[in-house]
Amino acid sequence: MKTQEPSASQPRLEKVGECLYRYSSNVAYYALVKIGGKQKKRSLETTDQKVAKRKLGGFKPELGSVDLSAGKVTIQELCDRYIATVQNQKRATVSRKKRIVKRLLADFPDGRNCQISKIRRSVMEA
């Protein structure tokens, strides 16, 4: 199988430091960090290497604070959590919110056990 070499006109990422890359076409810097077995890429919105390194230092801890397992939560679990948070409201309000959740779960096309990470905007709009 023949691999195609990138031509000089095709933009590409060039490594300039640990987790720091520069895009050849616009000289913008990007952070490429691997966390939890997944690679995350984000523009650092700068063309200055010193500023990029400073922003990269803030990007890594931000990723560490994100709970990657939250995407595995099902819509049923999320609704249960929501209902638990409204229990201190008036009885009629709690009842109304429970009816809304029940209707949402009944009408949801992928069922109650669909993971939140798999839900797309088009499904919600439908």
PDB file of N, CA and C in Angstrom:
ATOM      1  N   MET A   1       0.838  -1.166   0.000  1.00  0.00           N
ATOM      2  CA  MET A   1       0.000   0.000   0.000  1.00  0.00           C
ATOM      3  C   MET A   1       0.888   1.235   0.000  1.00  0.00           C
ATOM      4  N   LYS A   2       0.621   2.136  -0.896  1.00  0.00           N
ATOM      5  CA  LYS A   2       1.444   3.328  -1.045  1.00  0.00           C
ATOM      6  C   LYS A   2       0.866   4.455  -0.189  1.00  0.00           C
ATOM      7  N   THR A   3       1.700   5.044   0.660  1.00  0.00           N
ATOM      8  CA  THR A   3       1.244   6.176   1.470  1.00  0.00           C
ATOM      9  C   THR A   3       1.596   7.456   0.751  1.00  0.00           C
ATOM     10  N   GLN A   4       0.725   8.413   0.869  1.00  0.00           N
ATOM     11  CA  GLN A   4       0.912   9.670   0.185  1.00  0.00           C
ATOM     12  C   GLN A   4       1.664  10.645   1.076  1.00  0.00           C
ATOM     13  N   GLU A   5       2.739  11.177   0.591  1.00  0.00           N
ATOM     14  CA  GLU A   5       3.497  12.176   1.324  1.00  0.00           C
ATOM     15  C   GLU A   5       2.772  13.511   1.220  1.00  0.00           C
ATOM     16  N   PRO A   6       2.703  14.274   2.325  1.00  0.00           N
ATOM     17  CA  PRO A   6       2.050  15.575   2.221  1.00  0.00           C
ATOM     18  C   PRO A   6       2.882  16.512   1.348  1.00  0.00           C
ATOM     19  N   SER A   7       2.210  17.185   0.448  1.00  0.00           N
ATOM     20  CA  SER A   7       2.925  18.110  -0.430  1.00  0.00           C
ATOM     21  C   SER A   7       3.202  19.400   0.329  1.00  0.00           C
ATOM     22  N   ALA A   8       4.030  20.227  -0.260  1.00  0.00           N
ATOM     23  CA  ALA A   8       4.418  21.482   0.390  1.00  0.00           C
ATOM     24  C   ALA A   8       3.221  22.406   0.555  1.00  0.00           C
ATOM     25  N   SER A   9       2.212  22.277  -0.313  1.00  0.00           N
ATOM     26  CA  SER A   9       1.057  23.175  -0.238  1.00  0.00           C
ATOM     27  C   SER A   9       0.040  22.734   0.815  1.00  0.00           C
ATOM     28  N   GLN A  10       0.087  21.478   1.246  1.00  0.00           N
ATOM     29  CA  GLN A  10      -0.865  21.000   2.246  1.00  0.00           C
ATOM     30  C   GLN A  10      -0.415  21.421   3.642  1.00  0.00           C
ATOM     31  N   PRO A  11      -1.315  22.062   4.410  1.00  0.00           N
ATOM     32  CA  PRO A  11      -0.939  22.453   5.768  1.00  0.00           C
ATOM     33  C   PRO A  11      -0.821  21.225   6.669  1.00  0.00           C
ATOM     34  N   ARG A  12       0.071  21.304   7.656  1.00  0.00           N
ATOM     35  CA  ARG A  12       0.245  20.187   8.578  1.00  0.00           C
ATOM     36  C   ARG A  12       0.693  20.714   9.932  1.00  0.00           C
ATOM     37  N   LEU A  13       0.559  19.866  10.933  1.00  0.00           N
ATOM     38  CA  LEU A  13       1.003  20.205  12.276  1.00  0.00           C
ATOM     39  C   LEU A  13       2.474  19.844  12.432  1.00  0.00           C
ATOM     40  N   GLU A  14       3.240  20.766  12.979  1.00  0.00           N
ATOM     41  CA  GLU A  14       4.664  20.524  13.219  1.00  0.00           C
ATOM     42  C   GLU A  14       4.899  20.576  14.723  1.00  0.00           C
ATOM     43  N   LYS A  15       5.556  19.573  15.264  1.00  0.00           N
ATOM     44  CA  LYS A  15       5.825  19.527  16.697  1.00  0.00           C
ATOM     45  C   LYS A  15       6.913  20.548  17.043  1.00  0.00           C
ATOM     46  N   VAL A  16       6.621  21.391  18.044  1.00  0.00           N
ATOM     47  CA  VAL A  16       7.592  22.405  18.459  1.00  0.00           C
ATOM     48  C   VAL A  16       7.939  22.290  19.939  1.00  0.00           C
ATOM     49  N   GLY A  17       7.270  21.398  20.648  1.00  0.00           N
ATOM     50  CA  GLY A  17       7.544  21.196  22.061  1.00  0.00           C
ATOM     51  C   GLY A  17       6.664  20.080  22.588  1.00  0.00           C
ATOM     52  N   GLU A  18       6.814  19.779  23.877  1.00  0.00           N
ATOM     53  CA  GLU A  18       6.005  18.728  24.476  1.00  0.00           C
ATOM     54  C   GLU A  18       4.538  19.142  24.463  1.00  0.00           C
ATOM     55  N   CYS A  19       3.706  18.373  23.776  1.00  0.00           N
ATOM     56  CA  CYS A  19       2.266  18.614  23.623  1.00  0.00           C
ATOM     57  C   CYS A  19       1.954  19.909  22.891  1.00  0.00           C
ATOM     58  N   LEU A  20       2.924  20.505  22.234  1.00  0.00           N
ATOM     59  CA  LEU A  20       2.736  21.788  21.565  1.00  0.00           C
ATOM     60  C   LEU A  20       3.063  21.642  20.079  1.00  0.00           C
ATOM     61  N   TYR A  21       2.123  22.044  19.239  1.00  0.00           N
ATOM     62  CA  TYR A  21       2.265  21.919  17.792  1.00  0.00           C
ATOM     63  C   TYR A  21       1.930  23.249  17.132  1.00  0.00           C
ATOM     64  N   ARG A  22       2.523  23.465  15.958  1.00  0.00           N
ATOM     65  CA  ARG A  22       2.257  24.674  15.179  1.00  0.00           C
ATOM     66  C   ARG A  22       1.688  24.246  13.834  1.00  0.00           C
ATOM     67  N   TYR A  23       0.607  24.888  13.439  1.00  0.00           N
ATOM     68  CA  TYR A  23      -0.032  24.596  12.164  1.00  0.00           C
ATOM     69  C   TYR A  23       0.711  25.383  11.093  1.00  0.00           C
ATOM     70  N   SER A  24       1.194  24.706  10.073  1.00  0.00           N
ATOM     71  CA  SER A  24       2.093  25.328   9.095  1.00  0.00           C
ATOM     72  C   SER A  24       1.423  26.412   8.241  1.00  0.00           C
ATOM     73  N   SER A  25       0.123  26.328   8.004  1.00  0.00           N
ATOM     74  CA  SER A  25      -0.501  27.288   7.096  1.00  0.00           C
ATOM     75  C   SER A  25      -0.728  28.651   7.743  1.00  0.00           C
ATOM     76  N   ASN A  26      -1.108  28.682   9.016  1.00  0.00           N
ATOM     77  CA  ASN A  26      -1.385  29.977   9.641  1.00  0.00           C
ATOM     78  C   ASN A  26      -0.501  30.248  10.860  1.00  0.00           C
ATOM     79  N   VAL A  27       0.449  29.380  11.142  1.00  0.00           N
ATOM     80  CA  VAL A  27       1.426  29.504  12.220  1.00  0.00           C
ATOM     81  C   VAL A  27       0.750  29.608  13.593  1.00  0.00           C
ATOM     82  N   ALA A  28      -0.476  29.147  13.703  1.00  0.00           N
ATOM     83  CA  ALA A  28      -1.170  29.134  14.992  1.00  0.00           C
ATOM     84  C   ALA A  28      -0.715  27.919  15.784  1.00  0.00           C
ATOM     85  N   TYR A  29      -0.708  28.036  17.099  1.00  0.00           N
ATOM     86  CA  TYR A  29      -0.263  26.955  17.976  1.00  0.00           C
ATOM     87  C   TYR A  29      -1.450  26.154  18.483  1.00  0.00           C
ATOM     88  N   TYR A  30      -1.219  24.852  18.633  1.00  0.00           N
ATOM     89  CA  TYR A  30      -2.247  23.925  19.104  1.00  0.00           C
ATOM     90  C   TYR A  30      -1.677  23.066  20.222  1.00  0.00           C
ATOM     91  N   ALA A  31      -2.540  22.682  21.137  1.00  0.00           N
ATOM     92  CA  ALA A  31      -2.165  21.749  22.197  1.00  0.00           C
ATOM     93  C   ALA A  31      -2.707  20.384  21.824  1.00  0.00           C
ATOM     94  N   LEU A  32      -1.892  19.361  21.915  1.00  0.00           N
ATOM     95  CA  LEU A  32      -2.310  17.974  21.702  1.00  0.00           C
ATOM     96  C   LEU A  32      -1.948  17.214  22.965  1.00  0.00           C
ATOM     97  N   VAL A  33      -2.963  16.845  23.734  1.00  0.00           N
ATOM     98  CA  VAL A  33      -2.749  16.201  25.024  1.00  0.00           C
ATOM     99  C   VAL A  33      -3.519  14.896  25.032  1.00  0.00           C
ATOM    100  N   LYS A  34      -2.896  13.837  25.527  1.00  0.00           N
ATOM    101  CA  LYS A  34      -3.561  12.550  25.646  1.00  0.00           C
ATOM    102  C   LYS A  34      -3.936  12.355  27.105  1.00  0.00           C
ATOM    103  N   ILE A  35      -5.228  12.148  27.360  1.00  0.00           N
ATOM    104  CA  ILE A  35      -5.713  11.959  28.719  1.00  0.00           C
ATOM    105  C   ILE A  35      -6.803  10.899  28.704  1.00  0.00           C
ATOM    106  N   GLY A  36      -6.686   9.951  29.584  1.00  0.00           N
ATOM    107  CA  GLY A  36      -7.676   8.874  29.653  1.00  0.00           C
ATOM    108  C   GLY A  36      -7.730   8.049  28.392  1.00  0.00           C
ATOM    109  N   GLY A  37      -6.620   7.926  27.689  1.00  0.00           N
ATOM    110  CA  GLY A  37      -6.587   7.128  26.471  1.00  0.00           C
ATOM    111  C   GLY A  37      -7.140   7.843  25.248  1.00  0.00           C
ATOM    112  N   LYS A  38      -7.538   9.107  25.393  1.00  0.00           N
ATOM    113  CA  LYS A  38      -8.079   9.858  24.269  1.00  0.00           C
ATOM    114  C   LYS A  38      -7.237  11.096  24.029  1.00  0.00           C
ATOM    115  N   GLN A  39      -7.058  11.428  22.758  1.00  0.00           N
ATOM    116  CA  GLN A  39      -6.270  12.591  22.412  1.00  0.00           C
ATOM    117  C   GLN A  39      -7.178  13.807  22.272  1.00  0.00           C
ATOM    118  N   LYS A  40      -6.808  14.891  22.929  1.00  0.00           N
ATOM    119  CA  LYS A  40      -7.565  16.137  22.875  1.00  0.00           C
ATOM    120  C   LYS A  40      -6.714  17.177  22.175  1.00  0.00           C
ATOM    121  N   LYS A  41      -7.311  17.880  21.211  1.00  0.00           N
ATOM    122  CA  LYS A  41      -6.602  18.912  20.462  1.00  0.00           C
ATOM    123  C   LYS A  41      -7.379  20.210  20.593  1.00  0.00           C
ATOM    124  N   ARG A  42      -6.671  21.289  20.874  1.00  0.00           N
ATOM    125  CA  ARG A  42      -7.336  22.585  20.998  1.00  0.00           C
ATOM    126  C   ARG A  42      -6.402  23.683  20.496  1.00  0.00           C
ATOM    127  N   SER A  43      -6.989  24.632  19.788  1.00  0.00           N
ATOM    128  CA  SER A  43      -6.227  25.785  19.350  1.00  0.00           C
ATOM    129  C   SER A  43      -5.915  26.645  20.570  1.00  0.00           C
ATOM    130  N   LEU A  44      -4.693  27.128  20.648  1.00  0.00           N
ATOM    131  CA  LEU A  44      -4.309  28.006  21.749  1.00  0.00           C
ATOM    132  C   LEU A  44      -4.502  29.468  21.364  1.00  0.00           C
ATOM    133  N   GLU A  45      -5.004  29.702  20.157  1.00  0.00           N
ATOM    134  CA  GLU A  45      -5.401  31.018  19.658  1.00  0.00           C
ATOM    135  C   GLU A  45      -4.291  32.056  19.774  1.00  0.00           C
ATOM    136  N   THR A  46      -3.091  31.669  19.381  1.00  0.00           N
ATOM    137  CA  THR A  46      -1.964  32.584  19.389  1.00  0.00           C
ATOM    138  C   THR A  46      -0.940  32.139  18.359  1.00  0.00           C
ATOM    139  N   THR A  47      -0.128  33.095  17.926  1.00  0.00           N
ATOM    140  CA  THR A  47       0.978  32.785  17.017  1.00  0.00           C
ATOM    141  C   THR A  47       2.317  32.997  17.718  1.00  0.00           C
ATOM    142  N   ASP A  48       2.285  33.360  18.990  1.00  0.00           N
ATOM    143  CA  ASP A  48       3.493  33.577  19.780  1.00  0.00           C
ATOM    144  C   ASP A  48       3.788  32.330  20.617  1.00  0.00           C
ATOM    145  N   GLN A  49       4.997  31.791  20.490  1.00  0.00           N
ATOM    146  CA  GLN A  49       5.328  30.535  21.168  1.00  0.00           C
ATOM    147  C   GLN A  49       5.317  30.671  22.691  1.00  0.00           C
ATOM    148  N   LYS A  50       5.766  31.786  23.223  1.00  0.00           N
ATOM    149  CA  LYS A  50       5.780  31.963  24.681  1.00  0.00           C
ATOM    150  C   LYS A  50       4.362  31.995  25.254  1.00  0.00           C
ATOM    151  N   VAL A  51       3.473  32.687  24.565  1.00  0.00           N
ATOM    152  CA  VAL A  51       2.068  32.749  24.991  1.00  0.00           C
ATOM    153  C   VAL A  51       1.442  31.361  24.878  1.00  0.00           C
ATOM    154  N   ALA A  52       1.788  30.631  23.807  1.00  0.00           N
ATOM    155  CA  ALA A  52       1.257  29.285  23.602  1.00  0.00           C
ATOM    156  C   ALA A  52       1.669  28.354  24.739  1.00  0.00           C
ATOM    157  N   LYS A  53       2.928  28.436  25.171  1.00  0.00           N
ATOM    158  CA  LYS A  53       3.396  27.598  26.277  1.00  0.00           C
ATOM    159  C   LYS A  53       2.660  27.929  27.567  1.00  0.00           C
ATOM    160  N   ARG A  54       2.407  29.224  27.787  1.00  0.00           N
ATOM    161  CA  ARG A  54       1.672  29.639  28.980  1.00  0.00           C
ATOM    162  C   ARG A  54       0.229  29.108  28.947  1.00  0.00           C
ATOM    163  N   LYS A  55      -0.415  29.203  27.787  1.00  0.00           N
ATOM    164  CA  LYS A  55      -1.789  28.707  27.653  1.00  0.00           C
ATOM    165  C   LYS A  55      -1.846  27.183  27.765  1.00  0.00           C
ATOM    166  N   LEU A  56      -0.817  26.512  27.264  1.00  0.00           N
ATOM    167  CA  LEU A  56      -0.741  25.055  27.380  1.00  0.00           C
ATOM    168  C   LEU A  56      -0.686  24.644  28.846  1.00  0.00           C
ATOM    169  N   GLY A  57       0.026  25.412  29.647  1.00  0.00           N
ATOM    170  CA  GLY A  57       0.104  25.135  31.082  1.00  0.00           C
ATOM    171  C   GLY A  57      -1.253  25.213  31.762  1.00  0.00           C
ATOM    172  N   GLY A  58      -2.144  26.049  31.265  1.00  0.00           N
ATOM    173  CA  GLY A  58      -3.495  26.148  31.823  1.00  0.00           C
ATOM    174  C   GLY A  58      -4.447  25.114  31.251  1.00  0.00           C
ATOM    175  N   PHE A  59      -4.137  24.612  30.066  1.00  0.00           N
ATOM    176  CA  PHE A  59      -5.009  23.649  29.383  1.00  0.00           C
ATOM    177  C   PHE A  59      -4.931  22.266  30.008  1.00  0.00           C
ATOM    178  N   LYS A  60      -3.737  21.840  30.400  1.00  0.00           N
ATOM    179  CA  LYS A  60      -3.560  20.495  30.963  1.00  0.00           C
ATOM    180  C   LYS A  60      -4.350  20.288  32.259  1.00  0.00           C
ATOM    181  N   PRO A  61      -4.270  21.187  33.249  1.00  0.00           N
ATOM    182  CA  PRO A  61      -5.052  20.979  34.475  1.00  0.00           C
ATOM    183  C   PRO A  61      -6.558  21.038  34.229  1.00  0.00           C
ATOM    184  N   GLU A  62      -6.954  21.842  33.257  1.00  0.00           N
ATOM    185  CA  GLU A  62      -8.376  21.946  32.916  1.00  0.00           C
ATOM    186  C   GLU A  62      -8.914  20.600  32.437  1.00  0.00           C
ATOM    187  N   LEU A  63      -8.137  19.895  31.635  1.00  0.00           N
ATOM    188  CA  LEU A  63      -8.545  18.573  31.163  1.00  0.00           C
ATOM    189  C   LEU A  63      -8.586  17.559  32.295  1.00  0.00           C
ATOM    190  N   GLY A  64      -7.686  17.691  33.247  1.00  0.00           N
ATOM    191  CA  GLY A  64      -7.656  16.766  34.369  1.00  0.00           C
ATOM    192  C   GLY A  64      -8.872  16.888  35.262  1.00  0.00           C
ATOM    193  N   SER A  65      -9.538  18.052  35.234  1.00  0.00           N
ATOM    194  CA  SER A  65     -10.707  18.249  36.080  1.00  0.00           C
ATOM    195  C   SER A  65     -12.000  17.772  35.431  1.00  0.00           C
ATOM    196  N   VAL A  66     -11.951  17.364  34.162  1.00  0.00           N
ATOM    197  CA  VAL A  66     -13.122  16.881  33.452  1.00  0.00           C
ATOM    198  C   VAL A  66     -13.329  15.404  33.767  1.00  0.00           C
ATOM    199  N   ASP A  67     -14.559  15.034  34.135  1.00  0.00           N
ATOM    200  CA  ASP A  67     -14.876  13.643  34.435  1.00  0.00           C
ATOM    201  C   ASP A  67     -15.226  12.925  33.141  1.00  0.00           C
ATOM    202  N   LEU A  68     -14.300  12.117  32.636  1.00  0.00           N
ATOM    203  CA  LEU A  68     -14.507  11.427  31.364  1.00  0.00           C
ATOM    204  C   LEU A  68     -15.568  10.340  31.445  1.00  0.00           C
ATOM    205  N   SER A  69     -15.841   9.845  32.645  1.00  0.00           N
ATOM    206  CA  SER A  69     -16.851   8.796  32.789  1.00  0.00           C
ATOM    207  C   SER A  69     -18.264   9.365  32.755  1.00  0.00           C
ATOM    208  N   ALA A  70     -18.406  10.692  32.823  1.00  0.00           N
ATOM    209  CA  ALA A  70     -19.738  11.301  32.816  1.00  0.00           C
ATOM    210  C   ALA A  70     -20.484  11.023  31.513  1.00  0.00           C
ATOM    211  N   GLY A  71     -19.769  10.797  30.437  1.00  0.00           N
ATOM    212  CA  GLY A  71     -20.409  10.494  29.159  1.00  0.00           C
ATOM    213  C   GLY A  71     -21.059   9.127  29.135  1.00  0.00           C
ATOM    214  N   LYS A  72     -20.732   8.272  30.092  1.00  0.00           N
ATOM    215  CA  LYS A  72     -21.304   6.934  30.152  1.00  0.00           C
ATOM    216  C   LYS A  72     -22.637   6.903  30.911  1.00  0.00           C
ATOM    217  N   VAL A  73     -23.046   8.035  31.454  1.00  0.00           N
ATOM    218  CA  VAL A  73     -24.303   8.127  32.189  1.00  0.00           C
ATOM    219  C   VAL A  73     -25.459   7.973  31.199  1.00  0.00           C
ATOM    220  N   THR A  74     -26.471   7.201  31.578  1.00  0.00           N
ATOM    221  CA  THR A  74     -27.643   7.025  30.715  1.00  0.00           C
ATOM    222  C   THR A  74     -28.637   8.142  30.977  1.00  0.00           C
ATOM    223  N   ILE A  75     -29.575   8.284  30.056  1.00  0.00           N
ATOM    224  CA  ILE A  75     -30.589   9.325  30.218  1.00  0.00           C
ATOM    225  C   ILE A  75     -31.473   9.037  31.441  1.00  0.00           C
ATOM    226  N   GLN A  76     -31.684   7.771  31.752  1.00  0.00           N
ATOM    227  CA  GLN A  76     -32.466   7.400  32.928  1.00  0.00           C
ATOM    228  C   GLN A  76     -31.750   7.864  34.210  1.00  0.00           C
ATOM    229  N   GLU A  77     -30.453   7.616  34.304  1.00  0.00           N
ATOM    230  CA  GLU A  77     -29.684   8.029  35.480  1.00  0.00           C
ATOM    231  C   GLU A  77     -29.671   9.545  35.622  1.00  0.00           C
ATOM    232  N   LEU A  78     -29.544  10.247  34.504  1.00  0.00           N
ATOM    233  CA  LEU A  78     -29.526  11.704  34.538  1.00  0.00           C
ATOM    234  C   LEU A  78     -30.876  12.255  35.006  1.00  0.00           C
ATOM    235  N   CYS A  79     -31.949  11.661  34.530  1.00  0.00           N
ATOM    236  CA  CYS A  79     -33.288  12.084  34.964  1.00  0.00           C
ATOM    237  C   CYS A  79     -33.495  11.803  36.450  1.00  0.00           C
ATOM    238  N   ASP A  80     -33.013  10.666  36.934  1.00  0.00           N
ATOM    239  CA  ASP A  80     -33.120  10.350  38.361  1.00  0.00           C
ATOM    240  C   ASP A  80     -32.361  11.376  39.208  1.00  0.00           C
ATOM    241  N   ARG A  81     -31.183  11.763  38.747  1.00  0.00           N
ATOM    242  CA  ARG A  81     -30.401  12.782  39.460  1.00  0.00           C
ATOM    243  C   ARG A  81     -31.149  14.109  39.489  1.00  0.00           C
ATOM    244  N   TYR A  82     -31.758  14.458  38.362  1.00  0.00           N
ATOM    245  CA  TYR A  82     -32.491  15.716  38.270  1.00  0.00           C
ATOM    246  C   TYR A  82     -33.671  15.717  39.243  1.00  0.00           C
ATOM    247  N   ILE A  83     -34.438  14.639  39.254  1.00  0.00           N
ATOM    248  CA  ILE A  83     -35.605  14.554  40.148  1.00  0.00           C
ATOM    249  C   ILE A  83     -35.159  14.648  41.604  1.00  0.00           C
ATOM    250  N   ALA A  84     -34.015  14.078  41.935  1.00  0.00           N
ATOM    251  CA  ALA A  84     -33.506  14.160  43.307  1.00  0.00           C
ATOM    252  C   ALA A  84     -33.177  15.601  43.694  1.00  0.00           C
ATOM    253  N   THR A  85     -32.796  16.432  42.739  1.00  0.00           N
ATOM    254  CA  THR A  85     -32.436  17.818  43.054  1.00  0.00           C
ATOM    255  C   THR A  85     -33.639  18.730  43.231  1.00  0.00           C
ATOM    256  N   VAL A  86     -34.809  18.321  42.768  1.00  0.00           N
ATOM    257  CA  VAL A  86     -35.992  19.195  42.864  1.00  0.00           C
ATOM    258  C   VAL A  86     -36.922  18.804  44.006  1.00  0.00           C
ATOM    259  N   GLN A  87     -36.522  17.869  44.835  1.00  0.00           N
ATOM    260  CA  GLN A  87     -37.394  17.369  45.903  1.00  0.00           C
ATOM    261  C   GLN A  87     -37.759  18.425  46.946  1.00  0.00           C
ATOM    262  N   ASN A  88     -36.982  19.484  47.081  1.00  0.00           N
ATOM    263  CA  ASN A  88     -37.270  20.507  48.085  1.00  0.00           C
ATOM    264  C   ASN A  88     -38.218  21.584  47.583  1.00  0.00           C
ATOM    265  N   GLN A  89     -38.696  21.448  46.377  1.00  0.00           N
ATOM    266  CA  GLN A  89     -39.632  22.429  45.831  1.00  0.00           C
ATOM    267  C   GLN A  89     -41.056  22.047  46.222  1.00  0.00           C
ATOM    268  N   LYS A  90     -42.013  22.893  45.867  1.00  0.00           N
ATOM    269  CA  LYS A  90     -43.415  22.627  46.210  1.00  0.00           C
ATOM    270  C   LYS A  90     -43.874  21.324  45.575  1.00  0.00           C
ATOM    271  N   ARG A  91     -44.850  20.691  46.227  1.00  0.00           N
ATOM    272  CA  ARG A  91     -45.326  19.379  45.792  1.00  0.00           C
ATOM    273  C   ARG A  91     -45.826  19.418  44.346  1.00  0.00           C
ATOM    274  N   ALA A  92     -46.562  20.466  43.975  1.00  0.00           N
ATOM    275  CA  ALA A  92     -47.098  20.570  42.616  1.00  0.00           C
ATOM    276  C   ALA A  92     -45.967  20.716  41.584  1.00  0.00           C
ATOM    277  N   THR A  93     -44.930  21.440  41.954  1.00  0.00           N
ATOM    278  CA  THR A  93     -43.791  21.628  41.052  1.00  0.00           C
ATOM    279  C   THR A  93     -43.061  20.314  40.833  1.00  0.00           C
ATOM    280  N   VAL A  94     -42.832  19.578  41.912  1.00  0.00           N
ATOM    281  CA  VAL A  94     -42.163  18.277  41.813  1.00  0.00           C
ATOM    282  C   VAL A  94     -42.993  17.331  40.958  1.00  0.00           C
ATOM    283  N   SER A  95     -44.284  17.332  41.175  1.00  0.00           N
ATOM    284  CA  SER A  95     -45.182  16.465  40.410  1.00  0.00           C
ATOM    285  C   SER A  95     -45.128  16.805  38.916  1.00  0.00           C
ATOM    286  N   ARG A  96     -45.165  18.106  38.610  1.00  0.00           N
ATOM    287  CA  ARG A  96     -45.119  18.538  37.212  1.00  0.00           C
ATOM    288  C   ARG A  96     -43.790  18.135  36.568  1.00  0.00           C
ATOM    289  N   LYS A  97     -42.680  18.320  37.270  1.00  0.00           N
ATOM    290  CA  LYS A  97     -41.369  17.971  36.721  1.00  0.00           C
ATOM    291  C   LYS A  97     -41.225  16.464  36.543  1.00  0.00           C
ATOM    292  N   LYS A  98     -41.814  15.679  37.443  1.00  0.00           N
ATOM    293  CA  LYS A  98     -41.789  14.220  37.294  1.00  0.00           C
ATOM    294  C   LYS A  98     -42.578  13.790  36.055  1.00  0.00           C
ATOM    295  N   ARG A  99     -43.711  14.441  35.798  1.00  0.00           N
ATOM    296  CA  ARG A  99     -44.500  14.125  34.604  1.00  0.00           C
ATOM    297  C   ARG A  99     -43.723  14.446  33.332  1.00  0.00           C
ATOM    298  N   ILE A 100     -43.014  15.567  33.343  1.00  0.00           N
ATOM    299  CA  ILE A 100     -42.222  15.956  32.175  1.00  0.00           C
ATOM    300  C   ILE A 100     -41.121  14.934  31.912  1.00  0.00           C
ATOM    301  N   VAL A 101     -40.428  14.506  32.975  1.00  0.00           N
ATOM    302  CA  VAL A 101     -39.361  13.517  32.847  1.00  0.00           C
ATOM    303  C   VAL A 101     -39.931  12.188  32.355  1.00  0.00           C
ATOM    304  N   LYS A 102     -41.070  11.796  32.899  1.00  0.00           N
ATOM    305  CA  LYS A 102     -41.701  10.535  32.492  1.00  0.00           C
ATOM    306  C   LYS A 102     -42.061  10.570  31.008  1.00  0.00           C
ATOM    307  N   ARG A 103     -42.600  11.704  30.551  1.00  0.00           N
ATOM    308  CA  ARG A 103     -42.963  11.848  29.142  1.00  0.00           C
ATOM    309  C   ARG A 103     -41.714  11.849  28.254  1.00  0.00           C
ATOM    310  N   LEU A 104     -40.652  12.504  28.713  1.00  0.00           N
ATOM    311  CA  LEU A 104     -39.394  12.525  27.960  1.00  0.00           C
ATOM    312  C   LEU A 104     -38.851  11.109  27.785  1.00  0.00           C
ATOM    313  N   LEU A 105     -38.844  10.347  28.868  1.00  0.00           N
ATOM    314  CA  LEU A 105     -38.311   8.981  28.802  1.00  0.00           C
ATOM    315  C   LEU A 105     -39.182   8.074  27.940  1.00  0.00           C
ATOM    316  N   ALA A 106     -40.500   8.279  27.984  1.00  0.00           N
ATOM    317  CA  ALA A 106     -41.411   7.453  27.188  1.00  0.00           C
ATOM    318  C   ALA A 106     -41.270   7.743  25.696  1.00  0.00           C
ATOM    319  N   ASP A 107     -41.017   9.010  25.355  1.00  0.00           N
ATOM    320  CA  ASP A 107     -40.941   9.413  23.951  1.00  0.00           C
ATOM    321  C   ASP A 107     -39.534   9.343  23.374  1.00  0.00           C
ATOM    322  N   PHE A 108     -38.551   9.047  24.211  1.00  0.00           N
ATOM    323  CA  PHE A 108     -37.172   9.084  23.731  1.00  0.00           C
ATOM    324  C   PHE A 108     -36.930   7.921  22.775  1.00  0.00           C
ATOM    325  N   PRO A 109     -36.446   8.204  21.565  1.00  0.00           N
ATOM    326  CA  PRO A 109     -36.340   7.163  20.534  1.00  0.00           C
ATOM    327  C   PRO A 109     -35.358   6.041  20.840  1.00  0.00           C
ATOM    328  N   ASP A 110     -34.276   6.319  21.541  1.00  0.00           N
ATOM    329  CA  ASP A 110     -33.262   5.304  21.790  1.00  0.00           C
ATOM    330  C   ASP A 110     -33.451   4.578  23.112  1.00  0.00           C
ATOM    331  N   GLY A 111     -34.500   4.892  23.824  1.00  0.00           N
ATOM    332  CA  GLY A 111     -34.778   4.218  25.083  1.00  0.00           C
ATOM    333  C   GLY A 111     -34.105   4.861  26.279  1.00  0.00           C
ATOM    334  N   ARG A 112     -34.449   4.354  27.450  1.00  0.00           N
ATOM    335  CA  ARG A 112     -33.967   4.905  28.711  1.00  0.00           C
ATOM    336  C   ARG A 112     -32.491   4.644  28.960  1.00  0.00           C
ATOM    337  N   ASN A 113     -31.946   3.628  28.341  1.00  0.00           N
ATOM    338  CA  ASN A 113     -30.564   3.244  28.608  1.00  0.00           C
ATOM    339  C   ASN A 113     -29.568   3.813  27.615  1.00  0.00           C
ATOM    340  N   CYS A 114     -29.975   4.804  26.846  1.00  0.00           N
ATOM    341  CA  CYS A 114     -29.086   5.454  25.891  1.00  0.00           C
ATOM    342  C   CYS A 114     -28.094   6.337  26.659  1.00  0.00           C
ATOM    343  N   GLN A 115     -26.820   6.211  26.309  1.00  0.00           N
ATOM    344  CA  GLN A 115     -25.805   7.035  26.970  1.00  0.00           C
ATOM    345  C   GLN A 115     -25.935   8.491  26.514  1.00  0.00           C
ATOM    346  N   ILE A 116     -25.688   9.395  27.452  1.00  0.00           N
ATOM    347  CA  ILE A 116     -25.779  10.820  27.167  1.00  0.00           C
ATOM    348  C   ILE A 116     -24.815  11.217  26.049  1.00  0.00           C
ATOM    349  N   SER A 117     -23.645  10.624  26.022  1.00  0.00           N
ATOM    350  CA  SER A 117     -22.646  10.981  25.012  1.00  0.00           C
ATOM    351  C   SER A 117     -23.085  10.603  23.602  1.00  0.00           C
ATOM    352  N   LYS A 118     -24.054   9.708  23.476  1.00  0.00           N
ATOM    353  CA  LYS A 118     -24.506   9.256  22.155  1.00  0.00           C
ATOM    354  C   LYS A 118     -25.683  10.085  21.629  1.00  0.00           C
ATOM    355  N   ILE A 119     -26.237  10.953  22.453  1.00  0.00           N
ATOM    356  CA  ILE A 119     -27.398  11.741  22.057  1.00  0.00           C
ATOM    357  C   ILE A 119     -26.940  12.925  21.212  1.00  0.00           C
ATOM    358  N   ARG A 120     -27.542  13.095  20.069  1.00  0.00           N
ATOM    359  CA  ARG A 120     -27.213  14.191  19.158  1.00  0.00           C
ATOM    360  C   ARG A 120     -28.318  15.236  19.174  1.00  0.00           C
ATOM    361  N   ARG A 121     -27.966  16.419  18.762  1.00  0.00           N
ATOM    362  CA  ARG A 121     -28.915  17.534  18.733  1.00  0.00           C
ATOM    363  C   ARG A 121     -30.131  17.208  17.866  1.00  0.00           C
ATOM    364  N   SER A 122     -29.915  16.550  16.740  1.00  0.00           N
ATOM    365  CA  SER A 122     -31.012  16.212  15.831  1.00  0.00           C
ATOM    366  C   SER A 122     -32.048  15.319  16.506  1.00  0.00           C
ATOM    367  N   VAL A 123     -31.591  14.426  17.382  1.00  0.00           N
ATOM    368  CA  VAL A 123     -32.512  13.539  18.101  1.00  0.00           C
ATOM    369  C   VAL A 123     -33.376  14.363  19.057  1.00  0.00           C
ATOM    370  N   MET A 124     -32.749  15.312  19.750  1.00  0.00           N
ATOM    371  CA  MET A 124     -33.489  16.144  20.696  1.00  0.00           C
ATOM    372  C   MET A 124     -34.478  17.052  19.981  1.00  0.00           C
ATOM    373  N   GLU A 125     -34.094  17.573  18.834  1.00  0.00           N
ATOM    374  CA  GLU A 125     -35.007  18.444  18.074  1.00  0.00           C
ATOM    375  C   GLU A 125     -36.194  17.663  17.529  1.00  0.00           C
ATOM    376  N   ALA A 126     -35.973  16.404  17.177  1.00  0.00           N
ATOM    377  CA  ALA A 126     -37.066  15.577  16.645  1.00  0.00           C
ATOM    378  C   ALA A 126     -38.030  15.259  17.753  1.00  0.00           C
TER     379      ALA A 126
END
